[in-house]
Amino acid sequence: MASAREMIAFTPRRQGIAMGFLAALLGIALLIAVSVPNLMRLRVPIDTTAFAPFAMENQQLAAARNKISGTIGGVPGGGVAADRKIVKTAQLSLVAADPAQAAEAARTVAEQFGGYAVSLRVGTQESGRAQLTIRVPAAQFEEARAALHKLGSRTEDEQIQAEDVTHQYVDTEATLKSYRAEQEQYLQILRRAGSVKDVLAVTEKLADVRERIERTEAEFRSLSQQVAMASFTISLRSATEAQTFGLHWRPLYQIKVAFREGMESLAEYGVTMLAVLMRLPAIALWAVTILLALKYGWALLRRYWAGLVPRTQPAAPEPQSPMSGPAMP
């Protein structure tokens, strides 16, 4: 049967287990060291009793917002009578005798219907291509679409999309109203603030809610613009190019694209290497810290383990009596 020394001996297997335990303990310590400062950030306390008079108003506003986010006639939107908000987009591929002239005519069509051109790109005469994006009032979508079809001799492709954004529109509008009501509450609290501490705390909250109002207003304006103005993306090409067999060999263009992609790859490589070099001191410090922690932790663990192993003394020989003679045969 194994002795007590053999049972608690520092075998290679137990050494591996001890090293794994020590590494896990070190990892947990590093995680705590990184996480605790973020959790212990100081925040300016605000006297919540000052918000008591406005608690009922907040509850009413939340109830009204929940009512708005319901469904009307199967269309997400709200519990109030609201028009459906549709974002209309169309993509046209037309064949024209002169793509550049047809692109100018399309821009004129947009202006006739109260719209404008967002972008216009006309290729060389040899390429025989042009592309533009226009916006027209959503109410004039069908009329503008019919007028654009007349600019080409043939329509190769047409895609029309209508996205219902009623729920997003109403929810953004309700959020904006909620933020404005919150701003008004903070302004009223600021007028009644009696200490510098309360003024600073309310001012910080007021700045935060104003930032949210500006961001939500920008989103609401963008969404309203998309609903009000339909978008057309028109691709034009000449009839001679449309009659080719699909062979579009442009070596100079391909070389330019390859050169640009190669330069972008070199730039990304340089930025990555620079980032690694800038982080080398921190990486070296972390490596030294981990290695020292493992070294001294390993030494402490061995010392502790050695203290658990009992030290056995060799048995002393029994003294012989001086009167004893040699054994009789």
Foldseek 3Di string as FASTA:
>chain_A
DDDPLVVLPCDPVNLVVLLVVLLVVVVVVVVCVVPVVVVPDDDQDADCVLCVVCPVVLVVLVVQLVQQQPDDPNHGGGVDDDDWQKQKEKEWEAAAAQQVVLQVVLQVLQVVQPKGWPDKDDDDPVQQKIKTKIKHFPVCVVVSVVVSRVSHPDTDDMDMDIDTCNSVLNNLVSVLVSLVVVLVSLVVSCVVDDDPSNNVNSVVVNVVSVVVNVVSVVVNVVSVVSRGIHMYIYMYGYPVVVPDPPDDDDPVVVVVVVVVVVVVVVVVVVVVVVVCVVCVVVVVVVVVVSVVSSVVVSVVVVVVSVVVRDDDDDDDDDDDDPPDDDDDD
